[in-house]
N, C-alpha and C. Protein backbone atom coordinates (compact mmCIF):
# COMPACT_ATOMS: atom_id res chain seq x y z
N MET A 1 41.88 131.65 6.75
CA MET A 1 41.53 130.47 5.96
C MET A 1 42.64 130.16 4.97
N VAL A 2 42.78 128.86 4.71
CA VAL A 2 43.82 128.40 3.80
C VAL A 2 43.20 127.43 2.81
N SER A 3 43.51 127.61 1.54
CA SER A 3 43.09 126.68 0.50
C SER A 3 44.11 125.55 0.39
N ARG A 4 43.67 124.30 0.57
CA ARG A 4 44.56 123.15 0.58
C ARG A 4 44.33 122.29 -0.65
N ASN A 5 45.42 121.93 -1.33
CA ASN A 5 45.33 121.11 -2.53
C ASN A 5 46.38 120.01 -2.49
N ASP A 6 45.94 118.76 -2.68
CA ASP A 6 46.88 117.66 -2.86
C ASP A 6 47.44 117.76 -4.27
N VAL A 7 48.77 117.67 -4.39
CA VAL A 7 49.41 117.85 -5.69
C VAL A 7 50.39 116.73 -5.94
N PHE A 8 50.78 116.59 -7.20
CA PHE A 8 51.78 115.60 -7.58
C PHE A 8 52.85 116.32 -8.40
N ILE A 9 54.10 116.08 -8.02
CA ILE A 9 55.25 116.83 -8.53
C ILE A 9 56.12 115.90 -9.37
N ARG A 10 56.29 116.24 -10.62
CA ARG A 10 57.13 115.44 -11.50
C ARG A 10 58.60 115.69 -11.18
N CYS A 11 59.35 114.60 -10.97
CA CYS A 11 60.79 114.69 -10.71
C CYS A 11 61.49 113.64 -11.55
N GLY A 12 61.91 114.03 -12.74
CA GLY A 12 62.51 113.07 -13.66
C GLY A 12 61.51 112.00 -14.03
N SER A 13 61.85 110.74 -13.75
CA SER A 13 60.97 109.64 -14.13
C SER A 13 59.99 109.25 -13.02
N ILE A 14 60.02 109.95 -11.90
CA ILE A 14 59.12 109.62 -10.79
C ILE A 14 58.21 110.80 -10.47
N VAL A 15 57.21 110.52 -9.63
CA VAL A 15 56.26 111.54 -9.20
C VAL A 15 56.24 111.57 -7.68
N LEU A 16 56.29 112.77 -7.12
CA LEU A 16 56.26 112.97 -5.68
C LEU A 16 54.90 113.53 -5.28
N GLU A 17 54.43 113.11 -4.11
CA GLU A 17 53.18 113.68 -3.61
C GLU A 17 53.48 114.89 -2.73
N GLY A 18 52.57 115.85 -2.75
CA GLY A 18 52.76 117.04 -1.94
C GLY A 18 51.43 117.68 -1.57
N VAL A 19 51.52 118.69 -0.75
CA VAL A 19 50.36 119.48 -0.35
C VAL A 19 50.71 120.95 -0.56
N LEU A 20 49.91 121.61 -1.37
CA LEU A 20 50.05 123.04 -1.64
C LEU A 20 48.96 123.77 -0.88
N GLU A 21 49.36 124.75 -0.07
CA GLU A 21 48.38 125.51 0.72
C GLU A 21 48.58 127.00 0.49
N ILE A 22 47.47 127.67 0.18
CA ILE A 22 47.50 129.09 -0.17
C ILE A 22 46.62 129.85 0.81
N PRO A 23 47.21 130.72 1.64
CA PRO A 23 46.40 131.48 2.59
C PRO A 23 45.56 132.54 1.88
N GLU A 24 44.31 132.63 2.27
CA GLU A 24 43.41 133.56 1.60
C GLU A 24 43.76 135.01 1.89
N LYS A 25 44.46 135.25 3.00
CA LYS A 25 44.79 136.63 3.34
C LYS A 25 45.95 137.18 2.49
N GLY A 26 46.62 136.29 1.77
CA GLY A 26 47.71 136.74 0.93
C GLY A 26 47.21 137.46 -0.31
N THR A 27 48.02 138.35 -0.85
CA THR A 27 47.66 139.08 -2.06
C THR A 27 48.63 138.69 -3.17
N SER A 28 48.10 138.38 -4.34
CA SER A 28 48.93 137.95 -5.47
C SER A 28 49.66 139.15 -6.07
N PRO A 29 50.90 138.94 -6.57
CA PRO A 29 51.65 137.68 -6.45
C PRO A 29 52.20 137.51 -5.03
N MET A 30 52.26 136.27 -4.58
CA MET A 30 52.63 135.95 -3.21
C MET A 30 53.98 135.24 -3.17
N GLY A 31 54.63 135.36 -2.03
CA GLY A 31 55.81 134.55 -1.79
C GLY A 31 55.40 133.16 -1.37
N GLY A 32 56.36 132.26 -1.32
CA GLY A 32 56.04 130.89 -0.93
C GLY A 32 57.26 130.12 -0.49
N ALA A 33 57.02 128.99 0.14
CA ALA A 33 58.11 128.18 0.69
C ALA A 33 57.98 126.72 0.31
N VAL A 34 59.10 126.12 -0.04
CA VAL A 34 59.23 124.67 -0.15
C VAL A 34 59.72 124.17 1.20
N ILE A 35 59.00 123.23 1.79
CA ILE A 35 59.32 122.74 3.13
C ILE A 35 59.71 121.27 3.06
N CYS A 36 60.88 120.94 3.64
CA CYS A 36 61.46 119.60 3.51
C CYS A 36 61.43 118.86 4.84
N HIS A 37 60.94 117.63 4.81
CA HIS A 37 60.71 116.87 6.03
C HIS A 37 61.95 116.11 6.50
N PRO A 38 61.91 115.56 7.74
CA PRO A 38 63.06 114.83 8.28
C PRO A 38 63.26 113.46 7.63
N HIS A 39 64.23 112.73 8.14
CA HIS A 39 64.74 111.52 7.48
C HIS A 39 63.64 110.49 7.23
N PRO A 40 63.46 110.10 5.97
CA PRO A 40 62.39 109.15 5.64
C PRO A 40 62.59 107.75 6.22
N LEU A 41 63.81 107.36 6.48
CA LEU A 41 64.05 106.03 7.03
C LEU A 41 63.77 105.96 8.53
N PHE A 42 63.52 107.11 9.14
CA PHE A 42 63.21 107.15 10.57
C PHE A 42 61.82 107.74 10.81
N GLY A 43 60.93 107.55 9.85
CA GLY A 43 59.54 107.96 10.02
C GLY A 43 59.23 109.38 9.60
N GLY A 44 60.19 110.07 9.02
CA GLY A 44 59.93 111.45 8.59
C GLY A 44 59.02 111.52 7.39
N ASN A 45 58.10 112.47 7.42
CA ASN A 45 57.24 112.73 6.26
C ASN A 45 56.68 114.15 6.36
N MET A 46 55.87 114.52 5.38
CA MET A 46 55.40 115.90 5.30
C MET A 46 54.34 116.24 6.34
N TYR A 47 53.93 115.27 7.14
CA TYR A 47 52.95 115.52 8.20
C TYR A 47 53.62 115.69 9.56
N ASN A 48 54.94 115.73 9.58
CA ASN A 48 55.71 115.90 10.81
C ASN A 48 55.32 117.20 11.53
N ASN A 49 55.44 117.20 12.86
CA ASN A 49 55.03 118.37 13.65
C ASN A 49 55.84 119.62 13.32
N VAL A 50 57.14 119.46 13.07
CA VAL A 50 57.96 120.63 12.75
C VAL A 50 57.63 121.14 11.35
N VAL A 51 57.41 120.24 10.43
CA VAL A 51 56.99 120.64 9.08
C VAL A 51 55.68 121.43 9.15
N ARG A 52 54.77 120.96 9.98
CA ARG A 52 53.49 121.67 10.13
C ARG A 52 53.70 123.04 10.77
N ALA A 53 54.62 123.13 11.72
CA ALA A 53 54.92 124.43 12.33
C ALA A 53 55.50 125.39 11.30
N LEU A 54 56.36 124.89 10.44
CA LEU A 54 56.95 125.73 9.40
C LEU A 54 55.87 126.24 8.44
N LYS A 55 54.97 125.36 8.03
CA LYS A 55 53.94 125.82 7.09
C LYS A 55 52.99 126.78 7.78
N GLN A 56 52.73 126.59 9.08
CA GLN A 56 51.88 127.53 9.81
C GLN A 56 52.53 128.91 9.88
N ALA A 57 53.85 128.94 10.10
CA ALA A 57 54.57 130.22 10.12
C ALA A 57 54.45 130.92 8.77
N MET A 58 54.57 130.16 7.69
CA MET A 58 54.44 130.76 6.35
C MET A 58 53.05 131.35 6.16
N HIS A 59 52.04 130.62 6.58
CA HIS A 59 50.67 131.11 6.40
C HIS A 59 50.43 132.37 7.21
N GLU A 60 51.01 132.43 8.41
CA GLU A 60 50.85 133.64 9.23
C GLU A 60 51.48 134.85 8.58
N MET A 61 52.49 134.60 7.74
CA MET A 61 53.14 135.69 7.01
C MET A 61 52.52 135.92 5.64
N GLY A 62 51.39 135.24 5.36
CA GLY A 62 50.72 135.42 4.08
C GLY A 62 51.42 134.76 2.92
N LEU A 63 52.13 133.66 3.19
CA LEU A 63 52.92 132.98 2.17
C LEU A 63 52.35 131.61 1.85
N ILE A 64 52.50 131.20 0.62
CA ILE A 64 52.11 129.87 0.17
C ILE A 64 53.09 128.84 0.73
N SER A 65 52.60 127.66 1.08
CA SER A 65 53.50 126.58 1.50
C SER A 65 53.33 125.38 0.58
N LEU A 66 54.45 124.75 0.25
CA LEU A 66 54.47 123.49 -0.49
C LEU A 66 55.31 122.52 0.29
N ARG A 67 54.66 121.54 0.93
CA ARG A 67 55.39 120.45 1.58
C ARG A 67 55.20 119.21 0.73
N PHE A 68 56.15 118.32 0.78
CA PHE A 68 56.09 117.15 -0.09
C PHE A 68 56.81 116.00 0.59
N ASN A 69 56.53 114.80 0.12
CA ASN A 69 57.24 113.62 0.59
C ASN A 69 58.41 113.31 -0.33
N PHE A 70 59.58 113.13 0.28
CA PHE A 70 60.73 112.70 -0.51
C PHE A 70 60.44 111.35 -1.17
N ARG A 71 61.20 111.06 -2.19
CA ARG A 71 61.05 109.79 -2.93
C ARG A 71 61.04 108.60 -1.97
N GLY A 72 60.13 107.67 -2.25
CA GLY A 72 60.01 106.48 -1.43
C GLY A 72 59.24 106.67 -0.14
N THR A 73 58.69 107.85 0.08
CA THR A 73 57.95 108.14 1.30
C THR A 73 56.48 108.36 0.96
N GLY A 74 55.58 107.77 1.74
CA GLY A 74 54.15 107.94 1.46
C GLY A 74 53.81 107.46 0.06
N LYS A 75 53.14 108.31 -0.69
CA LYS A 75 52.77 107.97 -2.07
C LYS A 75 53.80 108.42 -3.10
N SER A 76 54.91 108.98 -2.64
CA SER A 76 55.95 109.39 -3.59
C SER A 76 56.66 108.17 -4.16
N GLU A 77 56.85 108.17 -5.45
CA GLU A 77 57.52 107.06 -6.12
C GLU A 77 59.02 107.08 -5.85
N GLY A 78 59.68 106.00 -6.26
CA GLY A 78 61.12 105.92 -6.11
C GLY A 78 61.51 105.33 -4.77
N SER A 79 62.80 105.44 -4.45
CA SER A 79 63.32 104.90 -3.20
C SER A 79 64.38 105.84 -2.64
N TYR A 80 64.66 105.67 -1.38
CA TYR A 80 65.62 106.52 -0.68
C TYR A 80 66.93 106.63 -1.45
N GLY A 81 67.43 107.87 -1.57
CA GLY A 81 68.60 108.12 -2.41
C GLY A 81 69.81 108.67 -1.70
N GLN A 82 69.95 108.38 -0.40
CA GLN A 82 71.14 108.76 0.36
C GLN A 82 71.35 110.28 0.46
N GLY A 83 70.31 111.05 0.18
CA GLY A 83 70.43 112.50 0.25
C GLY A 83 70.72 113.16 -1.09
N SER A 84 71.53 112.53 -1.93
CA SER A 84 71.87 113.14 -3.21
C SER A 84 70.67 113.17 -4.15
N ASP A 85 69.92 112.08 -4.22
CA ASP A 85 68.73 112.07 -5.07
C ASP A 85 67.65 112.99 -4.51
N GLU A 86 67.60 113.12 -3.19
CA GLU A 86 66.59 113.99 -2.58
C GLU A 86 66.83 115.46 -2.92
N ILE A 87 68.06 115.81 -3.24
CA ILE A 87 68.32 117.18 -3.71
C ILE A 87 67.52 117.44 -4.99
N GLU A 88 67.42 116.44 -5.84
CA GLU A 88 66.63 116.57 -7.07
C GLU A 88 65.14 116.73 -6.73
N ASP A 89 64.70 116.09 -5.65
CA ASP A 89 63.31 116.26 -5.22
C ASP A 89 63.04 117.71 -4.84
N VAL A 90 63.97 118.31 -4.12
CA VAL A 90 63.81 119.71 -3.72
C VAL A 90 63.76 120.62 -4.95
N LYS A 91 64.64 120.37 -5.90
CA LYS A 91 64.65 121.17 -7.12
C LYS A 91 63.33 121.02 -7.88
N ALA A 92 62.79 119.81 -7.91
CA ALA A 92 61.50 119.59 -8.57
C ALA A 92 60.39 120.34 -7.85
N ALA A 93 60.43 120.36 -6.53
CA ALA A 93 59.44 121.11 -5.77
C ALA A 93 59.56 122.61 -6.05
N LEU A 94 60.78 123.10 -6.18
CA LEU A 94 60.97 124.51 -6.56
C LEU A 94 60.40 124.79 -7.94
N ASP A 95 60.64 123.88 -8.87
CA ASP A 95 60.07 124.04 -10.21
C ASP A 95 58.55 124.13 -10.13
N PHE A 96 57.96 123.24 -9.34
CA PHE A 96 56.51 123.21 -9.21
C PHE A 96 55.99 124.52 -8.59
N LEU A 97 56.63 124.94 -7.52
CA LEU A 97 56.15 126.14 -6.81
C LEU A 97 56.25 127.38 -7.69
N THR A 98 57.32 127.50 -8.46
CA THR A 98 57.47 128.69 -9.30
C THR A 98 56.43 128.76 -10.41
N GLU A 99 55.77 127.64 -10.71
CA GLU A 99 54.73 127.63 -11.73
C GLU A 99 53.33 127.85 -11.17
N VAL A 100 53.19 127.95 -9.85
CA VAL A 100 51.89 128.23 -9.25
C VAL A 100 51.46 129.65 -9.67
N PRO A 101 50.25 129.82 -10.20
CA PRO A 101 49.85 131.12 -10.75
C PRO A 101 49.97 132.28 -9.76
N GLN A 102 49.72 132.02 -8.49
CA GLN A 102 49.72 133.10 -7.50
C GLN A 102 51.12 133.46 -7.00
N ILE A 103 52.14 132.70 -7.40
CA ILE A 103 53.46 132.88 -6.79
C ILE A 103 54.26 134.00 -7.45
N ASP A 104 55.03 134.69 -6.63
CA ASP A 104 56.06 135.61 -7.11
C ASP A 104 57.37 134.84 -7.09
N PRO A 105 57.93 134.48 -8.24
CA PRO A 105 59.13 133.63 -8.27
C PRO A 105 60.36 134.28 -7.66
N GLY A 106 60.29 135.56 -7.39
CA GLY A 106 61.39 136.23 -6.71
C GLY A 106 61.29 136.20 -5.20
N LYS A 107 60.24 135.55 -4.69
CA LYS A 107 60.01 135.52 -3.25
C LYS A 107 59.82 134.07 -2.77
N ILE A 108 60.87 133.29 -2.97
CA ILE A 108 60.81 131.86 -2.65
C ILE A 108 61.71 131.57 -1.44
N ILE A 109 61.24 130.70 -0.57
CA ILE A 109 61.99 130.25 0.61
C ILE A 109 62.17 128.74 0.51
N VAL A 110 63.33 128.26 0.95
CA VAL A 110 63.50 126.83 1.21
C VAL A 110 63.68 126.67 2.71
N ALA A 111 62.83 125.82 3.31
CA ALA A 111 62.90 125.56 4.74
C ALA A 111 62.94 124.06 4.96
N GLY A 112 63.75 123.62 5.91
CA GLY A 112 63.84 122.19 6.16
C GLY A 112 64.16 121.88 7.60
N TYR A 113 63.78 120.68 8.00
CA TYR A 113 63.99 120.21 9.36
C TYR A 113 64.83 118.94 9.36
N SER A 114 65.90 118.94 10.15
CA SER A 114 66.77 117.78 10.34
C SER A 114 67.36 117.33 8.99
N PHE A 115 67.16 116.10 8.58
CA PHE A 115 67.62 115.65 7.26
C PHE A 115 67.13 116.60 6.17
N GLY A 116 65.90 117.06 6.30
CA GLY A 116 65.35 118.01 5.33
C GLY A 116 66.06 119.34 5.35
N CYS A 117 66.62 119.71 6.49
CA CYS A 117 67.44 120.93 6.57
C CYS A 117 68.71 120.74 5.75
N TRP A 118 69.38 119.62 5.95
CA TRP A 118 70.62 119.36 5.20
C TRP A 118 70.37 119.29 3.70
N VAL A 119 69.40 118.51 3.29
CA VAL A 119 69.10 118.35 1.86
C VAL A 119 68.55 119.64 1.28
N GLY A 120 67.59 120.26 1.98
CA GLY A 120 66.95 121.45 1.46
C GLY A 120 67.92 122.61 1.28
N LEU A 121 68.75 122.86 2.29
CA LEU A 121 69.69 123.98 2.17
C LEU A 121 70.78 123.68 1.17
N LYS A 122 71.16 122.41 1.06
CA LYS A 122 72.16 122.05 0.05
C LYS A 122 71.61 122.30 -1.36
N ALA A 123 70.36 121.94 -1.56
CA ALA A 123 69.72 122.22 -2.85
C ALA A 123 69.61 123.71 -3.10
N ALA A 124 69.27 124.46 -2.05
CA ALA A 124 69.10 125.91 -2.18
C ALA A 124 70.40 126.61 -2.57
N VAL A 125 71.51 126.14 -2.01
CA VAL A 125 72.80 126.74 -2.32
C VAL A 125 73.13 126.55 -3.80
N MET A 126 72.64 125.47 -4.40
CA MET A 126 72.90 125.18 -5.81
C MET A 126 71.94 125.90 -6.75
N ASP A 127 70.98 126.61 -6.21
CA ASP A 127 69.88 127.16 -7.01
C ASP A 127 69.72 128.65 -6.71
N PRO A 128 69.66 129.51 -7.72
CA PRO A 128 69.55 130.94 -7.46
C PRO A 128 68.16 131.39 -7.05
N ARG A 129 67.16 130.53 -7.15
CA ARG A 129 65.78 130.98 -6.93
C ARG A 129 65.42 131.28 -5.48
N PRO A 130 65.83 130.48 -4.51
CA PRO A 130 65.44 130.79 -3.13
C PRO A 130 66.05 132.12 -2.66
N ALA A 131 65.21 132.94 -2.05
CA ALA A 131 65.66 134.23 -1.54
C ALA A 131 66.00 134.15 -0.05
N ARG A 132 65.44 133.16 0.65
CA ARG A 132 65.67 132.98 2.08
C ARG A 132 65.87 131.49 2.35
N LEU A 133 66.72 131.16 3.33
CA LEU A 133 67.00 129.78 3.70
C LEU A 133 66.72 129.62 5.19
N ILE A 134 65.96 128.59 5.54
CA ILE A 134 65.60 128.34 6.94
C ILE A 134 65.91 126.89 7.28
N GLY A 135 66.70 126.69 8.34
CA GLY A 135 67.06 125.35 8.76
C GLY A 135 66.73 125.12 10.23
N ILE A 136 65.95 124.09 10.50
CA ILE A 136 65.59 123.73 11.87
C ILE A 136 66.32 122.43 12.24
N ALA A 137 66.96 122.44 13.40
CA ALA A 137 67.68 121.27 13.91
C ALA A 137 68.67 120.71 12.89
N PRO A 138 69.60 121.53 12.41
CA PRO A 138 70.57 121.02 11.45
C PRO A 138 71.40 119.89 12.07
N PRO A 139 71.42 118.71 11.47
CA PRO A 139 72.12 117.57 12.07
C PRO A 139 73.63 117.65 11.86
N VAL A 140 74.24 118.61 12.54
CA VAL A 140 75.66 118.89 12.33
C VAL A 140 76.55 117.75 12.82
N ASN A 141 76.03 116.91 13.72
CA ASN A 141 76.83 115.76 14.19
C ASN A 141 76.92 114.67 13.13
N GLU A 142 76.02 114.69 12.15
CA GLU A 142 75.92 113.62 11.15
C GLU A 142 76.36 114.05 9.75
N TYR A 143 76.17 115.33 9.42
CA TYR A 143 76.40 115.79 8.05
C TYR A 143 77.26 117.05 8.01
N ASP A 144 77.92 117.24 6.90
CA ASP A 144 78.78 118.40 6.66
C ASP A 144 77.93 119.57 6.15
N PHE A 145 78.00 120.69 6.83
CA PHE A 145 77.27 121.88 6.41
C PHE A 145 78.18 122.98 5.88
N SER A 146 79.41 122.62 5.50
CA SER A 146 80.35 123.64 5.02
C SER A 146 79.88 124.29 3.72
N PHE A 147 78.91 123.68 3.05
CA PHE A 147 78.38 124.29 1.82
C PHE A 147 77.74 125.64 2.10
N LEU A 148 77.44 125.94 3.35
CA LEU A 148 76.85 127.24 3.70
C LEU A 148 77.89 128.32 3.94
N ASN A 149 79.16 127.98 3.92
CA ASN A 149 80.20 128.91 4.35
C ASN A 149 80.37 130.13 3.46
N GLU A 150 79.83 130.07 2.25
CA GLU A 150 79.91 131.23 1.36
C GLU A 150 78.53 131.70 0.92
N GLU A 151 77.51 131.25 1.62
CA GLU A 151 76.13 131.58 1.25
C GLU A 151 75.75 132.96 1.81
N THR A 152 75.46 133.90 0.91
CA THR A 152 75.23 135.28 1.32
C THR A 152 73.76 135.70 1.36
N ARG A 153 72.85 134.78 1.05
CA ARG A 153 71.43 135.10 1.20
C ARG A 153 71.04 135.00 2.68
N PRO A 154 70.00 135.71 3.11
CA PRO A 154 69.60 135.64 4.52
C PRO A 154 69.24 134.23 4.94
N LYS A 155 69.76 133.84 6.12
CA LYS A 155 69.62 132.47 6.61
C LYS A 155 69.16 132.48 8.07
N LEU A 156 68.32 131.53 8.42
CA LEU A 156 67.92 131.32 9.81
C LEU A 156 68.23 129.89 10.19
N LEU A 157 68.88 129.71 11.35
CA LEU A 157 69.13 128.39 11.91
C LEU A 157 68.59 128.36 13.33
N VAL A 158 67.83 127.31 13.63
CA VAL A 158 67.24 127.15 14.96
C VAL A 158 67.47 125.71 15.43
N ALA A 159 67.84 125.56 16.69
CA ALA A 159 68.02 124.23 17.28
C ALA A 159 67.72 124.30 18.77
N GLY A 160 67.49 123.14 19.36
CA GLY A 160 67.35 123.04 20.80
C GLY A 160 68.68 122.67 21.44
N ASP A 161 68.87 123.06 22.69
CA ASP A 161 70.15 122.79 23.34
C ASP A 161 70.26 121.37 23.89
N ARG A 162 69.22 120.54 23.65
CA ARG A 162 69.27 119.14 24.04
C ARG A 162 69.14 118.22 22.82
N ASP A 163 69.55 118.71 21.67
CA ASP A 163 69.41 117.96 20.41
C ASP A 163 70.55 116.96 20.27
N PHE A 164 70.22 115.68 20.11
CA PHE A 164 71.24 114.63 20.07
C PHE A 164 71.99 114.56 18.75
N VAL A 165 71.51 115.20 17.70
CA VAL A 165 72.25 115.23 16.43
C VAL A 165 72.71 116.63 16.06
N CYS A 166 72.47 117.57 16.97
CA CYS A 166 72.93 118.95 16.75
C CYS A 166 73.46 119.46 18.08
N SER A 167 74.72 119.15 18.35
CA SER A 167 75.31 119.57 19.62
C SER A 167 75.38 121.09 19.68
N VAL A 168 75.36 121.61 20.90
CA VAL A 168 75.48 123.06 21.08
C VAL A 168 76.77 123.56 20.45
N GLU A 169 77.86 122.84 20.66
CA GLU A 169 79.15 123.25 20.12
C GLU A 169 79.12 123.26 18.58
N GLY A 170 78.55 122.21 18.01
CA GLY A 170 78.47 122.13 16.56
C GLY A 170 77.58 123.20 15.97
N PHE A 171 76.46 123.46 16.62
CA PHE A 171 75.55 124.50 16.15
C PHE A 171 76.21 125.87 16.20
N GLU A 172 76.86 126.18 17.32
CA GLU A 172 77.50 127.49 17.46
C GLU A 172 78.65 127.66 16.47
N LYS A 173 79.37 126.57 16.20
CA LYS A 173 80.45 126.63 15.21
C LYS A 173 79.88 126.91 13.83
N LEU A 174 78.79 126.24 13.47
CA LEU A 174 78.17 126.48 12.17
C LEU A 174 77.71 127.92 12.04
N VAL A 175 77.06 128.43 13.07
CA VAL A 175 76.57 129.80 13.02
C VAL A 175 77.74 130.78 12.88
N ARG A 176 78.83 130.53 13.58
CA ARG A 176 80.00 131.42 13.48
C ARG A 176 80.57 131.43 12.07
N GLU A 177 80.57 130.27 11.42
CA GLU A 177 81.28 130.14 10.15
C GLU A 177 80.50 130.66 8.95
N ILE A 178 79.18 130.70 9.04
CA ILE A 178 78.42 131.17 7.88
C ILE A 178 78.38 132.69 7.87
N PRO A 179 78.36 133.29 6.69
CA PRO A 179 78.42 134.75 6.60
C PRO A 179 77.07 135.42 6.87
N GLN A 180 77.14 136.69 7.15
CA GLN A 180 75.94 137.51 7.21
C GLN A 180 75.35 137.64 5.80
N PRO A 181 74.06 137.95 5.71
CA PRO A 181 73.09 138.12 6.78
C PRO A 181 72.62 136.77 7.32
N LYS A 182 72.43 136.71 8.65
CA LYS A 182 72.03 135.45 9.28
C LYS A 182 71.34 135.76 10.59
N ALA A 183 70.56 134.78 11.03
CA ALA A 183 69.93 134.83 12.35
C ALA A 183 69.97 133.42 12.90
N SER A 184 70.02 133.30 14.22
CA SER A 184 70.06 131.98 14.83
C SER A 184 69.42 132.04 16.21
N MET A 185 68.97 130.87 16.66
CA MET A 185 68.40 130.76 18.00
C MET A 185 68.64 129.36 18.53
N LEU A 186 69.16 129.29 19.75
CA LEU A 186 69.32 128.03 20.45
C LEU A 186 68.27 128.01 21.56
N LEU A 187 67.31 127.09 21.43
CA LEU A 187 66.16 127.07 22.33
C LEU A 187 66.48 126.24 23.57
N PRO A 188 66.37 126.82 24.77
CA PRO A 188 66.72 126.09 25.98
C PRO A 188 65.70 124.99 26.31
N GLY A 189 66.23 123.83 26.71
CA GLY A 189 65.37 122.74 27.16
C GLY A 189 64.65 122.01 26.06
N VAL A 190 65.04 122.22 24.81
CA VAL A 190 64.34 121.62 23.67
C VAL A 190 65.22 120.56 23.02
N ASP A 191 64.63 119.41 22.71
CA ASP A 191 65.39 118.35 22.06
C ASP A 191 65.19 118.37 20.55
N HIS A 192 65.61 117.32 19.89
CA HIS A 192 65.59 117.30 18.42
C HIS A 192 64.18 117.35 17.84
N PHE A 193 63.20 116.88 18.58
CA PHE A 193 61.87 116.70 18.00
C PHE A 193 60.93 117.89 18.20
N HIS A 194 61.27 118.81 19.09
CA HIS A 194 60.52 120.05 19.30
C HIS A 194 59.05 119.81 19.68
N ALA A 195 58.75 118.63 20.19
CA ALA A 195 57.36 118.33 20.58
C ALA A 195 56.94 119.25 21.73
N GLY A 196 55.83 119.91 21.57
CA GLY A 196 55.35 120.85 22.56
C GLY A 196 55.98 122.22 22.49
N HIS A 197 56.93 122.39 21.57
CA HIS A 197 57.62 123.67 21.43
C HIS A 197 57.44 124.26 20.03
N GLU A 198 56.42 123.80 19.33
CA GLU A 198 56.21 124.26 17.96
C GLU A 198 55.98 125.76 17.88
N ASP A 199 55.32 126.32 18.90
CA ASP A 199 55.07 127.77 18.90
C ASP A 199 56.37 128.56 18.90
N ASN A 200 57.40 128.03 19.54
CA ASN A 200 58.71 128.70 19.52
C ASN A 200 59.24 128.78 18.09
N LEU A 201 59.09 127.70 17.34
CA LEU A 201 59.56 127.69 15.96
C LEU A 201 58.79 128.70 15.11
N ILE A 202 57.48 128.73 15.28
CA ILE A 202 56.66 129.69 14.53
C ILE A 202 57.11 131.11 14.85
N ARG A 203 57.36 131.37 16.12
CA ARG A 203 57.79 132.71 16.52
C ARG A 203 59.13 133.08 15.89
N GLU A 204 60.09 132.15 15.91
CA GLU A 204 61.42 132.45 15.36
C GLU A 204 61.37 132.65 13.85
N VAL A 205 60.58 131.83 13.17
CA VAL A 205 60.50 131.95 11.72
C VAL A 205 59.81 133.25 11.31
N THR A 206 58.72 133.58 11.96
CA THR A 206 58.02 134.83 11.61
C THR A 206 58.88 136.04 11.94
N ALA A 207 59.61 136.00 13.06
CA ALA A 207 60.50 137.12 13.41
C ALA A 207 61.60 137.29 12.37
N PHE A 208 62.14 136.17 11.89
CA PHE A 208 63.17 136.21 10.85
C PHE A 208 62.62 136.84 9.58
N LEU A 209 61.41 136.44 9.18
CA LEU A 209 60.84 136.96 7.94
C LEU A 209 60.38 138.43 8.09
N GLU A 210 60.12 138.84 9.31
CA GLU A 210 59.87 140.27 9.53
C GLU A 210 61.17 141.08 9.47
N ARG A 211 62.26 140.46 9.94
CA ARG A 211 63.55 141.12 9.90
C ARG A 211 64.12 141.15 8.49
N PHE A 212 63.88 140.07 7.75
CA PHE A 212 64.38 139.97 6.37
C PHE A 212 63.20 139.71 5.44
N PRO A 213 62.35 140.71 5.24
CA PRO A 213 61.14 140.49 4.42
C PRO A 213 61.47 140.16 2.98
N LEU A 214 60.58 139.38 2.38
CA LEU A 214 60.75 139.02 0.97
C LEU A 214 60.45 140.22 0.07
């Protein structure tokens, strides 16, 4: 069982909507994850299938999940900020999560999918609080991920080998360039959207967190 709460996250002069979910099987203080959704201009929001798979993986590991809508998405105030403003959204979500009474602030994860992978991991690199970084379908064909080249916290990257914004060559180059500790998986026959393959994502994320426990 999971306790679900609609929440509102203050981010400067705007407010973001989110969903905080706390698995009952977890024991306080608990770890938790901020989960970042795909590109808002292309229909991305916190109800996306990959976002849901990520939060399900967290719950299976007894972790709290906080998913939220970037500015200008759903009921979140503001407007699209080209990625730079969305980094502030991620930081605000981290602030919110660390204040949850049941949370252990030393056991925080940032996880993101597609655009949310780029923004979320970029925010995480700038912030000492996340202990683990998880990126699904990093859009390496569209964005620069060199900010990960000196990141020494445990990292997981997962993509499909038919992803139109994450070429196999680009994904493998990124994985080669980032330092240990790291884990990666290239899923055969899977495209950018992972529809019907959500269980694979849950399996990879839980295996990573078992290998690199909080």
